[in-house]
Amino acid sequence: MKLLLDENLSPKLARAVSDLFPDSLHVEECGLGGASDEDIWEFAKAGGFVIQSKNSDFYERTTLYGSPPKAIWLHIGNSTTADIERLIRRFADTVDAFSANPEHTCLILTRAGARPAVNR
């Protein structure tokens, strides 16, 4: 599985978790810096990415359109890149299971836990 990190996350994060999620990219690396959510969505869909973001926009898109692509909503407020990396590492197995489950469209990660969303 590969992640497409939204603009609200540090570009350094894709490299920081590349041992867990190889071929992950930040939107800036794809020429999508400043792009619309729709353009990011279509790029992720075409490229087989799971979108990871700190805002609810892609969660809302999965509610409206289903998947692919899937989305991971980091519902954590202001956090350092190191905090976000720790969170991703803590829930890496959960992220893998989410990715493999065709019924789950969005995974919501918080400091307290993880909750997959099923949108039909």
PDB file of N, CA and C in Angstrom:
ATOM      1  N   MET A   1       0.828  -1.172   0.000  1.00  0.00           N
ATOM      2  CA  MET A   1       0.000   0.000   0.000  1.00  0.00           C
ATOM      3  C   MET A   1       0.874   1.237   0.000  1.00  0.00           C
ATOM      4  N   LYS A   2       0.431   2.252  -0.701  1.00  0.00           N
ATOM      5  CA  LYS A   2       1.180   3.500  -0.740  1.00  0.00           C
ATOM      6  C   LYS A   2       0.253   4.664  -0.386  1.00  0.00           C
ATOM      7  N   LEU A   3       0.812   5.591   0.353  1.00  0.00           N
ATOM      8  CA  LEU A   3       0.066   6.749   0.822  1.00  0.00           C
ATOM      9  C   LEU A   3       0.341   7.951  -0.069  1.00  0.00           C
ATOM     10  N   LEU A   4      -0.675   8.778  -0.244  1.00  0.00           N
ATOM     11  CA  LEU A   4      -0.515  10.087  -0.864  1.00  0.00           C
ATOM     12  C   LEU A   4      -0.822  11.097   0.232  1.00  0.00           C
ATOM     13  N   LEU A   5       0.206  11.793   0.692  1.00  0.00           N
ATOM     14  CA  LEU A   5       0.061  12.714   1.813  1.00  0.00           C
ATOM     15  C   LEU A   5      -0.411  14.078   1.333  1.00  0.00           C
ATOM     16  N   ASP A   6      -1.449  14.563   1.953  1.00  0.00           N
ATOM     17  CA  ASP A   6      -2.044  15.843   1.602  1.00  0.00           C
ATOM     18  C   ASP A   6      -1.122  16.997   1.987  1.00  0.00           C
ATOM     19  N   GLU A   7      -1.441  18.132   1.447  1.00  0.00           N
ATOM     20  CA  GLU A   7      -0.632  19.336   1.623  1.00  0.00           C
ATOM     21  C   GLU A   7      -0.484  19.760   3.079  1.00  0.00           C
ATOM     22  N   ASN A   8      -1.448  19.408   3.930  1.00  0.00           N
ATOM     23  CA  ASN A   8      -1.388  19.823   5.327  1.00  0.00           C
ATOM     24  C   ASN A   8      -0.445  18.959   6.166  1.00  0.00           C
ATOM     25  N   LEU A   9       0.257  18.042   5.510  1.00  0.00           N
ATOM     26  CA  LEU A   9       1.269  17.212   6.168  1.00  0.00           C
ATOM     27  C   LEU A   9       2.640  17.552   5.605  1.00  0.00           C
ATOM     28  N   SER A  10       3.662  17.333   6.392  1.00  0.00           N
ATOM     29  CA  SER A  10       5.018  17.641   5.957  1.00  0.00           C
ATOM     30  C   SER A  10       5.453  16.707   4.826  1.00  0.00           C
ATOM     31  N   PRO A  11       6.124  17.257   3.817  1.00  0.00           N
ATOM     32  CA  PRO A  11       6.682  16.401   2.759  1.00  0.00           C
ATOM     33  C   PRO A  11       7.693  15.384   3.305  1.00  0.00           C
ATOM     34  N   LYS A  12       8.303  15.674   4.442  1.00  0.00           N
ATOM     35  CA  LYS A  12       9.277  14.764   5.049  1.00  0.00           C
ATOM     36  C   LYS A  12       8.622  13.467   5.535  1.00  0.00           C
ATOM     37  N   LEU A  13       7.335  13.506   5.772  1.00  0.00           N
ATOM     38  CA  LEU A  13       6.637  12.362   6.344  1.00  0.00           C
ATOM     39  C   LEU A  13       6.614  11.154   5.409  1.00  0.00           C
ATOM     40  N   ALA A  14       6.507  11.377   4.113  1.00  0.00           N
ATOM     41  CA  ALA A  14       6.480  10.253   3.164  1.00  0.00           C
ATOM     42  C   ALA A  14       7.772   9.452   3.248  1.00  0.00           C
ATOM     43  N   ARG A  15       8.887  10.146   3.346  1.00  0.00           N
ATOM     44  CA  ARG A  15      10.181   9.448   3.480  1.00  0.00           C
ATOM     45  C   ARG A  15      10.314   8.802   4.854  1.00  0.00           C
ATOM     46  N   ALA A  16       9.777   9.451   5.867  1.00  0.00           N
ATOM     47  CA  ALA A  16       9.910   8.937   7.238  1.00  0.00           C
ATOM     48  C   ALA A  16       9.193   7.603   7.430  1.00  0.00           C
ATOM     49  N   VAL A  17       8.123   7.371   6.682  1.00  0.00           N
ATOM     50  CA  VAL A  17       7.379   6.113   6.833  1.00  0.00           C
ATOM     51  C   VAL A  17       7.561   5.190   5.626  1.00  0.00           C
ATOM     52  N   SER A  18       8.542   5.460   4.811  1.00  0.00           N
ATOM     53  CA  SER A  18       8.741   4.665   3.590  1.00  0.00           C
ATOM     54  C   SER A  18       9.123   3.213   3.897  1.00  0.00           C
ATOM     55  N   ASP A  19       9.669   2.954   5.090  1.00  0.00           N
ATOM     56  CA  ASP A  19       9.960   1.561   5.449  1.00  0.00           C
ATOM     57  C   ASP A  19       8.674   0.769   5.665  1.00  0.00           C
ATOM     58  N   LEU A  20       7.610   1.441   6.065  1.00  0.00           N
ATOM     59  CA  LEU A  20       6.313   0.793   6.277  1.00  0.00           C
ATOM     60  C   LEU A  20       5.442   0.828   5.023  1.00  0.00           C
ATOM     61  N   PHE A  21       5.493   1.953   4.333  1.00  0.00           N
ATOM     62  CA  PHE A  21       4.633   2.185   3.172  1.00  0.00           C
ATOM     63  C   PHE A  21       5.478   2.687   1.995  1.00  0.00           C
ATOM     64  N   PRO A  22       6.184   1.769   1.346  1.00  0.00           N
ATOM     65  CA  PRO A  22       7.048   2.153   0.225  1.00  0.00           C
ATOM     66  C   PRO A  22       6.236   2.821  -0.895  1.00  0.00           C
ATOM     67  N   ASP A  23       6.891   3.646  -1.653  1.00  0.00           N
ATOM     68  CA  ASP A  23       6.291   4.347  -2.794  1.00  0.00           C
ATOM     69  C   ASP A  23       5.270   5.396  -2.390  1.00  0.00           C
ATOM     70  N   SER A  24       5.221   5.735  -1.102  1.00  0.00           N
ATOM     71  CA  SER A  24       4.345   6.813  -0.662  1.00  0.00           C
ATOM     72  C   SER A  24       4.924   8.143  -1.127  1.00  0.00           C
ATOM     73  N   LEU A  25       4.031   9.090  -1.395  1.00  0.00           N
ATOM     74  CA  LEU A  25       4.437  10.398  -1.905  1.00  0.00           C
ATOM     75  C   LEU A  25       3.658  11.499  -1.204  1.00  0.00           C
ATOM     76  N   HIS A  26       4.236  12.682  -1.243  1.00  0.00           N
ATOM     77  CA  HIS A  26       3.547  13.895  -0.811  1.00  0.00           C
ATOM     78  C   HIS A  26       2.996  14.549  -2.073  1.00  0.00           C
ATOM     79  N   VAL A  27       1.877  15.253  -1.961  1.00  0.00           N
ATOM     80  CA  VAL A  27       1.269  15.865  -3.146  1.00  0.00           C
ATOM     81  C   VAL A  27       2.230  16.787  -3.889  1.00  0.00           C
ATOM     82  N   GLU A  28       3.136  17.446  -3.180  1.00  0.00           N
ATOM     83  CA  GLU A  28       4.105  18.335  -3.843  1.00  0.00           C
ATOM     84  C   GLU A  28       5.032  17.562  -4.772  1.00  0.00           C
ATOM     85  N   GLU A  29       5.356  16.327  -4.408  1.00  0.00           N
ATOM     86  CA  GLU A  29       6.230  15.500  -5.239  1.00  0.00           C
ATOM     87  C   GLU A  29       5.553  15.094  -6.548  1.00  0.00           C
ATOM     88  N   CYS A  30       4.246  15.189  -6.579  1.00  0.00           N
ATOM     89  CA  CYS A  30       3.471  14.783  -7.757  1.00  0.00           C
ATOM     90  C   CYS A  30       3.023  15.976  -8.591  1.00  0.00           C
ATOM     91  N   GLY A  31       3.493  17.160  -8.225  1.00  0.00           N
ATOM     92  CA  GLY A  31       3.053  18.359  -8.931  1.00  0.00           C
ATOM     93  C   GLY A  31       1.648  18.778  -8.547  1.00  0.00           C
ATOM     94  N   LEU A  32       1.177  18.341  -7.386  1.00  0.00           N
ATOM     95  CA  LEU A  32      -0.182  18.655  -6.954  1.00  0.00           C
ATOM     96  C   LEU A  32      -0.232  19.657  -5.803  1.00  0.00           C
ATOM     97  N   GLY A  33       0.871  20.338  -5.538  1.00  0.00           N
ATOM     98  CA  GLY A  33       0.851  21.380  -4.512  1.00  0.00           C
ATOM     99  C   GLY A  33      -0.143  22.454  -4.907  1.00  0.00           C
ATOM    100  N   GLY A  34      -1.090  22.754  -4.044  1.00  0.00           N
ATOM    101  CA  GLY A  34      -2.108  23.758  -4.334  1.00  0.00           C
ATOM    102  C   GLY A  34      -3.244  23.248  -5.200  1.00  0.00           C
ATOM    103  N   ALA A  35      -3.237  21.959  -5.528  1.00  0.00           N
ATOM    104  CA  ALA A  35      -4.286  21.388  -6.372  1.00  0.00           C
ATOM    105  C   ALA A  35      -5.598  21.249  -5.609  1.00  0.00           C
ATOM    106  N   SER A  36      -6.667  21.147  -6.360  1.00  0.00           N
ATOM    107  CA  SER A  36      -7.981  20.952  -5.746  1.00  0.00           C
ATOM    108  C   SER A  36      -8.081  19.546  -5.164  1.00  0.00           C
ATOM    109  N   ASP A  37      -9.017  19.384  -4.228  1.00  0.00           N
ATOM    110  CA  ASP A  37      -9.264  18.056  -3.667  1.00  0.00           C
ATOM    111  C   ASP A  37      -9.665  17.079  -4.768  1.00  0.00           C
ATOM    112  N   GLU A  38     -10.425  17.550  -5.734  1.00  0.00           N
ATOM    113  CA  GLU A  38     -10.848  16.688  -6.839  1.00  0.00           C
ATOM    114  C   GLU A  38      -9.646  16.177  -7.634  1.00  0.00           C
ATOM    115  N   ASP A  39      -8.685  17.060  -7.913  1.00  0.00           N
ATOM    116  CA  ASP A  39      -7.488  16.639  -8.655  1.00  0.00           C
ATOM    117  C   ASP A  39      -6.664  15.639  -7.849  1.00  0.00           C
ATOM    118  N   ILE A  40      -6.531  15.873  -6.559  1.00  0.00           N
ATOM    119  CA  ILE A  40      -5.799  14.935  -5.693  1.00  0.00           C
ATOM    120  C   ILE A  40      -6.527  13.601  -5.647  1.00  0.00           C
ATOM    121  N   TRP A  41      -7.836  13.644  -5.521  1.00  0.00           N
ATOM    122  CA  TRP A  41      -8.669  12.440  -5.492  1.00  0.00           C
ATOM    123  C   TRP A  41      -8.461  11.618  -6.772  1.00  0.00           C
ATOM    124  N   GLU A  42      -8.525  12.265  -7.913  1.00  0.00           N
ATOM    125  CA  GLU A  42      -8.387  11.558  -9.191  1.00  0.00           C
ATOM    126  C   GLU A  42      -6.981  10.985  -9.360  1.00  0.00           C
ATOM    127  N   PHE A  43      -5.963  11.733  -8.934  1.00  0.00           N
ATOM    128  CA  PHE A  43      -4.587  11.236  -9.002  1.00  0.00           C
ATOM    129  C   PHE A  43      -4.434   9.994  -8.130  1.00  0.00           C
ATOM    130  N   ALA A  44      -4.967  10.054  -6.906  1.00  0.00           N
ATOM    131  CA  ALA A  44      -4.875   8.917  -5.985  1.00  0.00           C
ATOM    132  C   ALA A  44      -5.621   7.710  -6.546  1.00  0.00           C
ATOM    133  N   LYS A  45      -6.768   7.944  -7.103  1.00  0.00           N
ATOM    134  CA  LYS A  45      -7.567   6.866  -7.673  1.00  0.00           C
ATOM    135  C   LYS A  45      -6.822   6.187  -8.824  1.00  0.00           C
ATOM    136  N   ALA A  46      -6.279   6.980  -9.721  1.00  0.00           N
ATOM    137  CA  ALA A  46      -5.564   6.439 -10.884  1.00  0.00           C
ATOM    138  C   ALA A  46      -4.274   5.722 -10.479  1.00  0.00           C
ATOM    139  N   GLY A  47      -3.617   6.205  -9.419  1.00  0.00           N
ATOM    140  CA  GLY A  47      -2.330   5.659  -9.014  1.00  0.00           C
ATOM    141  C   GLY A  47      -2.376   4.611  -7.922  1.00  0.00           C
ATOM    142  N   GLY A  48      -3.572   4.293  -7.427  1.00  0.00           N
ATOM    143  CA  GLY A  48      -3.692   3.276  -6.385  1.00  0.00           C
ATOM    144  C   GLY A  48      -3.193   3.731  -5.020  1.00  0.00           C
ATOM    145  N   PHE A  49      -3.322   5.018  -4.735  1.00  0.00           N
ATOM    146  CA  PHE A  49      -2.894   5.571  -3.452  1.00  0.00           C
ATOM    147  C   PHE A  49      -4.045   5.593  -2.456  1.00  0.00           C
ATOM    148  N   VAL A  50      -3.706   5.590  -1.174  1.00  0.00           N
ATOM    149  CA  VAL A  50      -4.616   5.911  -0.088  1.00  0.00           C
ATOM    150  C   VAL A  50      -4.258   7.331   0.344  1.00  0.00           C
ATOM    151  N   ILE A  51      -5.230   8.221   0.330  1.00  0.00           N
ATOM    152  CA  ILE A  51      -4.984   9.623   0.686  1.00  0.00           C
ATOM    153  C   ILE A  51      -4.944   9.751   2.203  1.00  0.00           C
ATOM    154  N   GLN A  52      -3.931  10.459   2.690  1.00  0.00           N
ATOM    155  CA  GLN A  52      -3.821  10.721   4.124  1.00  0.00           C
ATOM    156  C   GLN A  52      -3.842  12.231   4.330  1.00  0.00           C
ATOM    157  N   SER A  53      -4.728  12.682   5.227  1.00  0.00           N
ATOM    158  CA  SER A  53      -4.918  14.117   5.416  1.00  0.00           C
ATOM    159  C   SER A  53      -5.283  14.422   6.863  1.00  0.00           C
ATOM    160  N   LYS A  54      -5.045  15.677   7.251  1.00  0.00           N
ATOM    161  CA  LYS A  54      -5.442  16.129   8.582  1.00  0.00           C
ATOM    162  C   LYS A  54      -6.785  16.846   8.570  1.00  0.00           C
ATOM    163  N   ASN A  55      -7.394  17.007   7.403  1.00  0.00           N
ATOM    164  CA  ASN A  55      -8.717  17.625   7.410  1.00  0.00           C
ATOM    165  C   ASN A  55      -9.757  16.624   6.940  1.00  0.00           C
ATOM    166  N   SER A  56     -11.005  16.949   7.114  1.00  0.00           N
ATOM    167  CA  SER A  56     -12.094  16.006   6.864  1.00  0.00           C
ATOM    168  C   SER A  56     -12.533  15.943   5.404  1.00  0.00           C
ATOM    169  N   ASP A  57     -11.927  16.715   4.528  1.00  0.00           N
ATOM    170  CA  ASP A  57     -12.387  16.792   3.138  1.00  0.00           C
ATOM    171  C   ASP A  57     -12.456  15.426   2.448  1.00  0.00           C
ATOM    172  N   PHE A  58     -11.418  14.621   2.621  1.00  0.00           N
ATOM    173  CA  PHE A  58     -11.401  13.338   1.923  1.00  0.00           C
ATOM    174  C   PHE A  58     -12.291  12.307   2.621  1.00  0.00           C
ATOM    175  N   TYR A  59     -12.457  12.435   3.928  1.00  0.00           N
ATOM    176  CA  TYR A  59     -13.458  11.619   4.628  1.00  0.00           C
ATOM    177  C   TYR A  59     -14.836  11.902   4.024  1.00  0.00           C
ATOM    178  N   GLU A  60     -15.139  13.176   3.841  1.00  0.00           N
ATOM    179  CA  GLU A  60     -16.429  13.561   3.269  1.00  0.00           C
ATOM    180  C   GLU A  60     -16.576  13.041   1.844  1.00  0.00           C
ATOM    181  N   ARG A  61     -15.496  13.060   1.072  1.00  0.00           N
ATOM    182  CA  ARG A  61     -15.551  12.525  -0.295  1.00  0.00           C
ATOM    183  C   ARG A  61     -15.824  11.024  -0.288  1.00  0.00           C
ATOM    184  N   THR A  62     -15.216  10.297   0.657  1.00  0.00           N
ATOM    185  CA  THR A  62     -15.489   8.855   0.711  1.00  0.00           C
ATOM    186  C   THR A  62     -16.943   8.598   1.102  1.00  0.00           C
ATOM    187  N   THR A  63     -17.512   9.490   1.899  1.00  0.00           N
ATOM    188  CA  THR A  63     -18.916   9.366   2.273  1.00  0.00           C
ATOM    189  C   THR A  63     -19.809   9.562   1.048  1.00  0.00           C
ATOM    190  N   LEU A  64     -19.454  10.518   0.206  1.00  0.00           N
ATOM    191  CA  LEU A  64     -20.247  10.810  -0.989  1.00  0.00           C
ATOM    192  C   LEU A  64     -20.026   9.812  -2.114  1.00  0.00           C
ATOM    193  N   TYR A  65     -18.758   9.457  -2.358  1.00  0.00           N
ATOM    194  CA  TYR A  65     -18.408   8.711  -3.568  1.00  0.00           C
ATOM    195  C   TYR A  65     -17.926   7.283  -3.308  1.00  0.00           C
ATOM    196  N   GLY A  66     -17.719   6.909  -2.065  1.00  0.00           N
ATOM    197  CA  GLY A  66     -17.147   5.603  -1.782  1.00  0.00           C
ATOM    198  C   GLY A  66     -15.676   5.575  -2.148  1.00  0.00           C
ATOM    199  N   SER A  67     -15.181   4.403  -2.456  1.00  0.00           N
ATOM    200  CA  SER A  67     -13.779   4.285  -2.842  1.00  0.00           C
ATOM    201  C   SER A  67     -13.685   3.347  -4.033  1.00  0.00           C
ATOM    202  N   PRO A  68     -12.621   3.359  -4.794  1.00  0.00           N
ATOM    203  CA  PRO A  68     -11.358   4.039  -4.526  1.00  0.00           C
ATOM    204  C   PRO A  68     -11.438   5.528  -4.863  1.00  0.00           C
ATOM    205  N   PRO A  69     -10.487   6.272  -4.356  1.00  0.00           N
ATOM    206  CA  PRO A  69      -9.461   5.883  -3.405  1.00  0.00           C
ATOM    207  C   PRO A  69     -10.012   5.866  -1.987  1.00  0.00           C
ATOM    208  N   LYS A  70      -9.276   5.214  -1.128  1.00  0.00           N
ATOM    209  CA  LYS A  70      -9.570   5.232   0.295  1.00  0.00           C
ATOM    210  C   LYS A  70      -8.866   6.439   0.907  1.00  0.00           C
ATOM    211  N   ALA A  71      -9.272   6.779   2.131  1.00  0.00           N
ATOM    212  CA  ALA A  71      -8.668   7.921   2.812  1.00  0.00           C
ATOM    213  C   ALA A  71      -8.396   7.586   4.270  1.00  0.00           C
ATOM    214  N   ILE A  72      -7.368   8.216   4.798  1.00  0.00           N
ATOM    215  CA  ILE A  72      -7.062   8.144   6.225  1.00  0.00           C
ATOM    216  C   ILE A  72      -7.126   9.573   6.749  1.00  0.00           C
ATOM    217  N   TRP A  73      -8.024   9.783   7.696  1.00  0.00           N
ATOM    218  CA  TRP A  73      -8.193  11.101   8.301  1.00  0.00           C
ATOM    219  C   TRP A  73      -7.455  11.102   9.630  1.00  0.00           C
ATOM    220  N   LEU A  74      -6.417  11.914   9.716  1.00  0.00           N
ATOM    221  CA  LEU A  74      -5.664  12.094  10.961  1.00  0.00           C
ATOM    222  C   LEU A  74      -6.385  13.163  11.771  1.00  0.00           C
ATOM    223  N   HIS A  75      -7.298  12.739  12.603  1.00  0.00           N
ATOM    224  CA  HIS A  75      -8.153  13.629  13.385  1.00  0.00           C
ATOM    225  C   HIS A  75      -7.440  13.931  14.704  1.00  0.00           C
ATOM    226  N   ILE A  76      -6.377  14.758  14.616  1.00  0.00           N
ATOM    227  CA  ILE A  76      -5.483  14.928  15.761  1.00  0.00           C
ATOM    228  C   ILE A  76      -5.150  16.371  16.097  1.00  0.00           C
ATOM    229  N   GLY A  77      -5.661  17.320  15.361  1.00  0.00           N
ATOM    230  CA  GLY A  77      -5.345  18.710  15.654  1.00  0.00           C
ATOM    231  C   GLY A  77      -3.897  19.026  15.350  1.00  0.00           C
ATOM    232  N   ASN A  78      -3.410  20.103  15.929  1.00  0.00           N
ATOM    233  CA  ASN A  78      -2.027  20.510  15.698  1.00  0.00           C
ATOM    234  C   ASN A  78      -1.066  19.491  16.297  1.00  0.00           C
ATOM    235  N   SER A  79      -0.143  19.026  15.471  1.00  0.00           N
ATOM    236  CA  SER A  79       0.820  18.017  15.896  1.00  0.00           C
ATOM    237  C   SER A  79       2.115  18.219  15.134  1.00  0.00           C
ATOM    238  N   THR A  80       3.197  17.810  15.740  1.00  0.00           N
ATOM    239  CA  THR A  80       4.475  17.866  15.038  1.00  0.00           C
ATOM    240  C   THR A  80       4.551  16.711  14.047  1.00  0.00           C
ATOM    241  N   THR A  81       5.472  16.824  13.110  1.00  0.00           N
ATOM    242  CA  THR A  81       5.694  15.744  12.154  1.00  0.00           C
ATOM    243  C   THR A  81       6.110  14.475  12.887  1.00  0.00           C
ATOM    244  N   ALA A  82       6.925  14.610  13.914  1.00  0.00           N
ATOM    245  CA  ALA A  82       7.351  13.451  14.697  1.00  0.00           C
ATOM    246  C   ALA A  82       6.156  12.786  15.389  1.00  0.00           C
ATOM    247  N   ASP A  83       5.217  13.582  15.907  1.00  0.00           N
ATOM    248  CA  ASP A  83       4.010  13.028  16.530  1.00  0.00           C
ATOM    249  C   ASP A  83       3.178  12.251  15.513  1.00  0.00           C
ATOM    250  N   ILE A  84       3.053  12.809  14.324  1.00  0.00           N
ATOM    251  CA  ILE A  84       2.272  12.151  13.278  1.00  0.00           C
ATOM    252  C   ILE A  84       2.956  10.862  12.842  1.00  0.00           C
ATOM    253  N   GLU A  85       4.259  10.894  12.700  1.00  0.00           N
ATOM    254  CA  GLU A  85       4.983   9.676  12.349  1.00  0.00           C
ATOM    255  C   GLU A  85       4.763   8.595  13.407  1.00  0.00           C
ATOM    256  N   ARG A  86       4.841   8.960  14.675  1.00  0.00           N
ATOM    257  CA  ARG A  86       4.610   7.978  15.747  1.00  0.00           C
ATOM    258  C   ARG A  86       3.203   7.388  15.662  1.00  0.00           C
ATOM    259  N   LEU A  87       2.230   8.227  15.360  1.00  0.00           N
ATOM    260  CA  LEU A  87       0.855   7.764  15.233  1.00  0.00           C
ATOM    261  C   LEU A  87       0.725   6.778  14.066  1.00  0.00           C
ATOM    262  N   ILE A  88       1.313   7.104  12.937  1.00  0.00           N
ATOM    263  CA  ILE A  88       1.259   6.210  11.774  1.00  0.00           C
ATOM    264  C   ILE A  88       1.938   4.887  12.099  1.00  0.00           C
ATOM    265  N   ARG A  89       3.071   4.950  12.742  1.00  0.00           N
ATOM    266  CA  ARG A  89       3.776   3.711  13.113  1.00  0.00           C
ATOM    267  C   ARG A  89       2.961   2.882  14.108  1.00  0.00           C
ATOM    268  N   ARG A  90       2.347   3.551  15.055  1.00  0.00           N
ATOM    269  CA  ARG A  90       1.546   2.856  16.077  1.00  0.00           C
ATOM    270  C   ARG A  90       0.392   2.084  15.454  1.00  0.00           C
ATOM    271  N   PHE A  91      -0.194   2.643  14.409  1.00  0.00           N
ATOM    272  CA  PHE A  91      -1.359   2.027  13.778  1.00  0.00           C
ATOM    273  C   PHE A  91      -1.055   1.428  12.411  1.00  0.00           C
ATOM    274  N   ALA A  92       0.195   1.110  12.130  1.00  0.00           N
ATOM    275  CA  ALA A  92       0.576   0.575  10.818  1.00  0.00           C
ATOM    276  C   ALA A  92      -0.181  -0.709  10.480  1.00  0.00           C
ATOM    277  N   ASP A  93      -0.313  -1.608  11.433  1.00  0.00           N
ATOM    278  CA  ASP A  93      -1.048  -2.851  11.174  1.00  0.00           C
ATOM    279  C   ASP A  93      -2.529  -2.575  10.915  1.00  0.00           C
ATOM    280  N   THR A  94      -3.081  -1.619  11.631  1.00  0.00           N
ATOM    281  CA  THR A  94      -4.474  -1.227  11.430  1.00  0.00           C
ATOM    282  C   THR A  94      -4.658  -0.628  10.044  1.00  0.00           C
ATOM    283  N   VAL A  95      -3.696   0.192   9.621  1.00  0.00           N
ATOM    284  CA  VAL A  95      -3.746   0.799   8.284  1.00  0.00           C
ATOM    285  C   VAL A  95      -3.693  -0.285   7.214  1.00  0.00           C
ATOM    286  N   ASP A  96      -2.829  -1.267   7.383  1.00  0.00           N
ATOM    287  CA  ASP A  96      -2.751  -2.374   6.420  1.00  0.00           C
ATOM    288  C   ASP A  96      -4.067  -3.148   6.353  1.00  0.00           C
ATOM    289  N   ALA A  97      -4.644  -3.441   7.504  1.00  0.00           N
ATOM    290  CA  ALA A  97      -5.915  -4.171   7.542  1.00  0.00           C
ATOM    291  C   ALA A  97      -7.026  -3.346   6.893  1.00  0.00           C
ATOM    292  N   PHE A  98      -7.048  -2.071   7.167  1.00  0.00           N
ATOM    293  CA  PHE A  98      -8.021  -1.160   6.553  1.00  0.00           C
ATOM    294  C   PHE A  98      -7.887  -1.185   5.040  1.00  0.00           C
ATOM    295  N   SER A  99      -6.676  -1.085   4.555  1.00  0.00           N
ATOM    296  CA  SER A  99      -6.436  -1.062   3.119  1.00  0.00           C
ATOM    297  C   SER A  99      -6.941  -2.336   2.443  1.00  0.00           C
ATOM    298  N   ALA A 100      -6.808  -3.457   3.117  1.00  0.00           N
ATOM    299  CA  ALA A 100      -7.183  -4.746   2.541  1.00  0.00           C
ATOM    300  C   ALA A 100      -8.688  -5.021   2.610  1.00  0.00           C
ATOM    301  N   ASN A 101      -9.426  -4.278   3.419  1.00  0.00           N
ATOM    302  CA  ASN A 101     -10.851  -4.534   3.600  1.00  0.00           C
ATOM    303  C   ASN A 101     -11.664  -3.708   2.591  1.00  0.00           C
ATOM    304  N   PRO A 102     -12.332  -4.364   1.647  1.00  0.00           N
ATOM    305  CA  PRO A 102     -13.052  -3.621   0.609  1.00  0.00           C
ATOM    306  C   PRO A 102     -14.264  -2.843   1.129  1.00  0.00           C
ATOM    307  N   GLU A 103     -14.756  -3.173   2.313  1.00  0.00           N
ATOM    308  CA  GLU A 103     -15.910  -2.453   2.862  1.00  0.00           C
ATOM    309  C   GLU A 103     -15.533  -1.128   3.509  1.00  0.00           C
ATOM    310  N   HIS A 104     -14.290  -0.981   3.910  1.00  0.00           N
ATOM    311  CA  HIS A 104     -13.868   0.238   4.594  1.00  0.00           C
ATOM    312  C   HIS A 104     -13.379   1.269   3.578  1.00  0.00           C
ATOM    313  N   THR A 105     -13.883   2.480   3.708  1.00  0.00           N
ATOM    314  CA  THR A 105     -13.529   3.540   2.770  1.00  0.00           C
ATOM    315  C   THR A 105     -12.644   4.611   3.387  1.00  0.00           C
ATOM    316  N   CYS A 106     -12.771   4.789   4.700  1.00  0.00           N
ATOM    317  CA  CYS A 106     -11.973   5.793   5.386  1.00  0.00           C
ATOM    318  C   CYS A 106     -11.587   5.256   6.756  1.00  0.00           C
ATOM    319  N   LEU A 107     -10.363   5.559   7.164  1.00  0.00           N
ATOM    320  CA  LEU A 107      -9.889   5.197   8.494  1.00  0.00           C
ATOM    321  C   LEU A 107      -9.638   6.497   9.246  1.00  0.00           C
ATOM    322  N   ILE A 108     -10.224   6.604  10.410  1.00  0.00           N
ATOM    323  CA  ILE A 108     -10.051   7.799  11.234  1.00  0.00           C
ATOM    324  C   ILE A 108      -9.068   7.449  12.341  1.00  0.00           C
ATOM    325  N   LEU A 109      -7.928   8.134  12.352  1.00  0.00           N
ATOM    326  CA  LEU A 109      -6.916   7.926  13.384  1.00  0.00           C
ATOM    327  C   LEU A 109      -6.933   9.100  14.350  1.00  0.00           C
ATOM    328  N   THR A 110      -6.978   8.774  15.642  1.00  0.00           N
ATOM    329  CA  THR A 110      -6.868   9.779  16.695  1.00  0.00           C
ATOM    330  C   THR A 110      -5.783   9.307  17.652  1.00  0.00           C
ATOM    331  N   ARG A 111      -5.421  10.138  18.569  1.00  0.00           N
ATOM    332  CA  ARG A 111      -4.432   9.718  19.563  1.00  0.00           C
ATOM    333  C   ARG A 111      -4.970   8.573  20.420  1.00  0.00           C
ATOM    334  N   ALA A 112      -6.285   8.509  20.556  1.00  0.00           N
ATOM    335  CA  ALA A 112      -6.901   7.496  21.406  1.00  0.00           C
ATOM    336  C   ALA A 112      -7.125   6.167  20.688  1.00  0.00           C
ATOM    337  N   GLY A 113      -7.149   6.181  19.368  1.00  0.00           N
ATOM    338  CA  GLY A 113      -7.401   4.929  18.662  1.00  0.00           C
ATOM    339  C   GLY A 113      -7.664   5.122  17.192  1.00  0.00           C
ATOM    340  N   ALA A 114      -8.183   4.055  16.573  1.00  0.00           N
ATOM    341  CA  ALA A 114      -8.469   4.048  15.147  1.00  0.00           C
ATOM    342  C   ALA A 114      -9.862   3.488  14.940  1.00  0.00           C
ATOM    343  N   ARG A 115     -10.559   4.068  13.967  1.00  0.00           N
ATOM    344  CA  ARG A 115     -11.923   3.612  13.669  1.00  0.00           C
ATOM    345  C   ARG A 115     -12.149   3.651  12.165  1.00  0.00           C
ATOM    346  N   PRO A 116     -12.388   2.474  11.572  1.00  0.00           N
ATOM    347  CA  PRO A 116     -12.705   2.474  10.134  1.00  0.00           C
ATOM    348  C   PRO A 116     -14.134   2.925   9.895  1.00  0.00           C
ATOM    349  N   ALA A 117     -14.355   3.597   8.784  1.00  0.00           N
ATOM    350  CA  ALA A 117     -15.687   4.010   8.395  1.00  0.00           C
ATOM    351  C   ALA A 117     -16.127   3.152   7.210  1.00  0.00           C
ATOM    352  N   VAL A 118     -17.361   2.706   7.245  1.00  0.00           N
ATOM    353  CA  VAL A 118     -17.937   1.927   6.156  1.00  0.00           C
ATOM    354  C   VAL A 118     -19.004   2.796   5.518  1.00  0.00           C
ATOM    355  N   ASN A 119     -18.775   3.181   4.293  1.00  0.00           N
ATOM    356  CA  ASN A 119     -19.722   4.019   3.561  1.00  0.00           C
ATOM    357  C   ASN A 119     -20.232   3.228   2.368  1.00  0.00           C
ATOM    358  N   ARG A 120     -21.513   3.096   2.279  1.00  0.00           N
ATOM    359  CA  ARG A 120     -22.098   2.320   1.174  1.00  0.00           C
ATOM    360  C   ARG A 120     -22.959   3.194   0.305  1.00  0.00           C
TER     361      ARG A 120
END
